[in-house]
């Protein structure tokens, strides 16, 4: 299965949490891609990436300062690929899970360490 993991900022350093999740998924036989979304990354470029990779699942690492950006990204995914499962994880969903799930474009909210639950979710 193709799984895209999104870090909502530029990838200056490897996002350790997403790297853990990606490693667990790869060991389970999935194809994983991690992308960063710097400020200059526009919707058109993102849609091109989505179309090329065609993920069944997209995981978004969400911090509270970038929660609005995460909602926008989830909306792009669902508007163009409605069958793609969108998973929100990271500090914001862990602390504010009910608020995160109010977004109709988010299918699943992961609390805590994502590598502990991702394989069960993918199944």
Protein backbone atom coordinates (compact mmCIF):
# COMPACT_ATOMS: atom_id res chain seq x y z
CA UNK A 1 0.00 0.00 0.00
CA UNK A 2 1.22 3.53 -0.75
CA UNK A 3 1.35 5.73 2.34
CA UNK A 4 2.30 9.41 2.28
CA UNK A 5 3.51 11.09 5.47
CA UNK A 6 3.41 14.88 5.59
CA UNK A 7 5.49 17.24 7.68
CA UNK A 8 3.89 20.70 7.43
CA UNK A 9 7.18 22.59 7.34
CA UNK A 10 10.33 22.40 5.25
CA UNK A 11 12.42 19.29 5.86
CA UNK A 12 15.55 20.87 7.34
CA UNK A 13 16.17 17.79 9.44
CA UNK A 14 14.47 14.44 9.29
CA UNK A 15 11.22 14.55 11.29
CA UNK A 16 12.06 11.79 13.75
CA UNK A 17 8.45 10.83 14.52
CA UNK A 18 7.59 10.40 10.85
CA UNK A 19 10.84 8.52 10.28
CA UNK A 20 9.87 6.02 13.00
CA UNK A 21 6.41 5.58 11.49
CA UNK A 22 7.85 5.25 7.99
CA UNK A 23 10.32 2.61 9.12
CA UNK A 24 7.63 0.53 10.81
CA UNK A 25 5.47 0.74 7.68
CA UNK A 26 8.33 -0.18 5.35
CA UNK A 27 9.19 -3.20 7.49
CA UNK A 28 5.56 -4.26 7.11
CA UNK A 29 5.93 -4.12 3.32
CA UNK A 30 4.35 -0.77 2.51
CA UNK A 31 5.67 1.91 0.16
CA UNK A 32 6.23 5.10 2.13
CA UNK A 33 7.04 8.64 1.10
CA UNK A 34 7.73 11.55 3.47
CA UNK A 35 7.35 15.09 2.18
CA UNK A 36 7.84 18.49 3.76
CA UNK A 37 5.64 21.43 2.92
CA UNK A 38 7.63 24.67 3.06
CA UNK A 39 5.77 27.98 2.85
CA UNK A 40 6.41 28.29 -0.88
CA UNK A 41 4.90 24.85 -1.54
CA UNK A 42 1.60 25.56 -3.25
CA UNK A 43 -1.62 23.60 -3.67
CA UNK A 44 -0.86 22.80 -7.33
CA UNK A 45 2.52 21.24 -6.47
CA UNK A 46 0.93 19.26 -3.66
CA UNK A 47 -1.80 17.96 -5.95
CA UNK A 48 0.83 16.86 -8.47
CA UNK A 49 2.65 14.95 -5.69
CA UNK A 50 -0.60 13.29 -4.61
CA UNK A 51 -1.49 12.28 -8.15
CA UNK A 52 1.96 10.82 -8.86
CA UNK A 53 2.16 8.80 -5.64
CA UNK A 54 -1.57 7.99 -5.36
CA UNK A 55 -1.54 7.12 -1.64
CA UNK A 56 -4.24 5.03 -0.02
CA UNK A 57 -3.40 6.68 3.31
CA UNK A 58 -1.99 10.11 4.15
CA UNK A 59 -0.64 10.83 7.62
CA UNK A 60 -0.21 14.45 8.66
CA UNK A 61 2.00 15.46 11.57
CA UNK A 62 0.13 18.37 13.20
CA UNK A 63 1.40 20.96 15.64
CA UNK A 64 -1.02 23.52 17.06
CA UNK A 65 0.51 26.52 15.23
CA UNK A 66 0.01 24.63 11.95
CA UNK A 67 -3.44 23.16 12.66
CA UNK A 68 -5.11 25.43 10.09
CA UNK A 69 -2.58 24.41 7.46
CA UNK A 70 -3.26 20.76 8.30
CA UNK A 71 -6.98 21.33 7.79
CA UNK A 72 -6.28 22.93 4.41
CA UNK A 73 -4.06 20.00 3.35
CA UNK A 74 -6.69 17.47 4.48
CA UNK A 75 -9.33 19.34 2.48
CA UNK A 76 -7.20 19.21 -0.68
CA UNK A 77 -6.74 15.47 -0.20
CA UNK A 78 -10.41 14.72 0.38
CA UNK A 79 -11.66 17.02 -2.39
CA UNK A 80 -9.45 15.29 -4.96
CA UNK A 81 -9.10 11.78 -3.52
CA UNK A 82 -12.21 11.16 -1.37
CA UNK A 83 -11.37 7.48 -0.76
CA UNK A 84 -7.93 8.29 0.66
CA UNK A 85 -7.79 7.87 4.43
CA UNK A 86 -6.44 10.93 6.23
CA UNK A 87 -4.78 10.36 9.61
CA UNK A 88 -3.82 13.28 11.87
CA UNK A 89 -1.15 12.69 14.47
CA UNK A 90 1.38 14.66 16.46
CA UNK A 91 1.17 17.06 19.39
CA UNK A 92 -2.04 18.87 18.39
CA UNK A 93 -4.25 15.78 17.90
CA UNK A 94 -2.79 14.21 21.03
CA UNK A 95 -3.79 17.19 23.18
CA UNK A 96 -6.96 18.20 21.29
CA UNK A 97 -8.36 15.02 19.69
CA UNK A 98 -12.01 16.09 19.65
CA UNK A 99 -11.18 19.43 18.07
CA UNK A 100 -9.04 17.65 15.46
CA UNK A 101 -11.85 15.25 14.58
CA UNK A 102 -14.32 18.11 14.05
CA UNK A 103 -12.63 18.49 10.67
CA UNK A 104 -14.72 16.31 8.34
CA UNK A 105 -11.62 15.75 6.19
CA UNK A 106 -9.79 13.91 8.97
CA UNK A 107 -10.76 10.25 9.23
CA UNK A 108 -8.56 9.11 12.13
CA UNK A 109 -6.80 10.89 14.98
CA UNK A 110 -3.79 9.21 16.60
CA UNK A 111 -2.90 10.03 20.19
CA UNK A 112 0.66 9.62 21.38
CA UNK A 113 3.30 7.65 19.54
CA UNK A 114 2.10 6.79 16.03
CA UNK A 115 4.54 3.96 15.44
CA UNK A 116 2.77 2.03 18.20
CA UNK A 117 -0.59 2.06 16.39
CA UNK A 118 0.05 2.60 12.68
CA UNK A 119 0.25 -1.05 11.65
CA UNK A 120 -3.09 -1.79 13.31
CA UNK A 121 -4.63 1.22 11.60
CA UNK A 122 -3.31 0.24 8.19
CA UNK A 123 -4.80 -3.25 8.56
